[in-house]
Amino acid sequence: MNRLVLQAQLVERGALRYTPAGLPVFDLSLRHESQVTQEGQPRQVSFEIKARALGSITARLAQANGRGIVFHVTEID
């Protein structure tokens, strides 16, 4: 199993909605910024990515103010 841990800031959180099965869902926009070394030279990495939170994690996101979120991608369909 592959695992990616991405530290990012919550930029945008859509309205809470529910799946047909009744699970809560948030559509999110996350921003990541860091510095890596490539060929011995520092390089800035910055990107925004769309994400979707489903299930119990949405309760924590509902209380978040948009800063300091650590987002863990645990599964991709």
Protein backbone atom coordinates (compact mmCIF):
# COMPACT_ATOMS: atom_id res chain seq x y z
CA MET A 1 0.00 0.00 0.00
CA ASN A 2 1.27 3.46 -0.90
CA ARG A 3 0.88 6.37 1.49
CA LEU A 4 1.27 10.11 0.99
CA VAL A 5 1.25 12.62 3.82
CA LEU A 6 0.81 16.18 2.60
CA GLN A 7 1.03 19.19 4.87
CA ALA A 8 -1.16 21.93 3.45
CA GLN A 9 -3.27 24.94 4.31
CA LEU A 10 -7.00 24.85 3.84
CA VAL A 11 -7.74 27.54 1.25
CA GLU A 12 -11.40 26.88 0.58
CA ARG A 13 -14.06 24.61 2.02
CA GLY A 14 -17.30 24.07 0.14
CA ALA A 15 -20.70 23.67 1.74
CA LEU A 16 -21.37 20.51 3.70
CA ARG A 17 -23.34 18.02 1.61
CA TYR A 18 -24.28 14.37 1.96
CA THR A 19 -23.86 11.33 -0.27
CA PRO A 20 -26.92 9.25 -1.21
CA ALA A 21 -25.82 6.87 1.59
CA GLY A 22 -25.97 9.75 4.10
CA LEU A 23 -22.22 10.32 4.57
CA PRO A 24 -21.10 13.94 5.06
CA VAL A 25 -18.79 15.40 2.39
CA PHE A 26 -16.71 18.58 2.02
CA ASP A 27 -15.03 19.60 -1.24
CA LEU A 28 -11.77 21.38 -0.40
CA SER A 29 -8.98 23.38 -1.95
CA LEU A 30 -5.58 22.93 -0.29
CA ARG A 31 -2.31 24.86 -0.75
CA HIS A 32 1.13 23.36 -0.21
CA GLU A 33 4.39 25.32 -0.11
CA SER A 34 7.85 23.93 0.64
CA GLN A 35 11.46 23.97 -0.46
CA VAL A 36 13.32 20.96 -1.86
CA THR A 37 16.86 20.43 -3.05
CA GLN A 38 17.25 19.26 -6.63
CA GLU A 39 20.67 18.76 -8.24
CA GLY A 40 22.15 20.51 -5.19
CA GLN A 41 20.05 23.63 -5.74
CA PRO A 42 17.13 24.80 -3.60
CA ARG A 43 13.78 24.94 -5.38
CA GLN A 44 10.44 26.28 -4.18
CA VAL A 45 7.44 23.99 -4.52
CA SER A 46 3.99 25.56 -4.44
CA PHE A 47 0.67 24.20 -5.64
CA GLU A 48 -3.04 24.06 -4.94
CA ILE A 49 -4.92 20.79 -5.09
CA LYS A 50 -8.59 19.88 -4.95
CA ALA A 51 -9.54 17.31 -2.32
CA ARG A 52 -12.64 15.69 -0.90
CA ALA A 53 -13.20 14.81 2.75
CA LEU A 54 -15.73 12.10 3.43
CA GLY A 55 -17.15 10.70 6.65
CA SER A 56 -16.02 11.41 10.21
CA ILE A 57 -13.13 13.76 9.24
CA THR A 58 -15.74 16.31 8.13
CA ALA A 59 -16.61 17.06 11.78
CA ARG A 60 -13.04 18.28 12.37
CA LEU A 61 -13.03 20.26 9.13
CA ALA A 62 -16.33 21.93 10.03
CA GLN A 63 -14.55 23.53 13.01
CA ALA A 64 -11.38 24.47 11.12
CA ASN A 65 -10.77 28.13 10.32
CA GLY A 66 -8.72 27.40 7.22
CA ARG A 67 -5.17 27.46 8.61
CA GLY A 68 -2.76 24.79 9.75
CA ILE A 69 -4.58 21.73 8.46
CA VAL A 70 -2.58 18.54 7.90
CA PHE A 71 -4.39 16.55 5.27
CA HIS A 72 -3.85 12.80 5.05
CA VAL A 73 -4.89 11.13 1.81
CA THR A 74 -5.77 7.58 2.80
CA GLU A 75 -7.46 6.30 -0.32
CA ILE A 76 -7.96 7.29 -3.96
CA ASP A 77 -10.71 5.86 -6.15
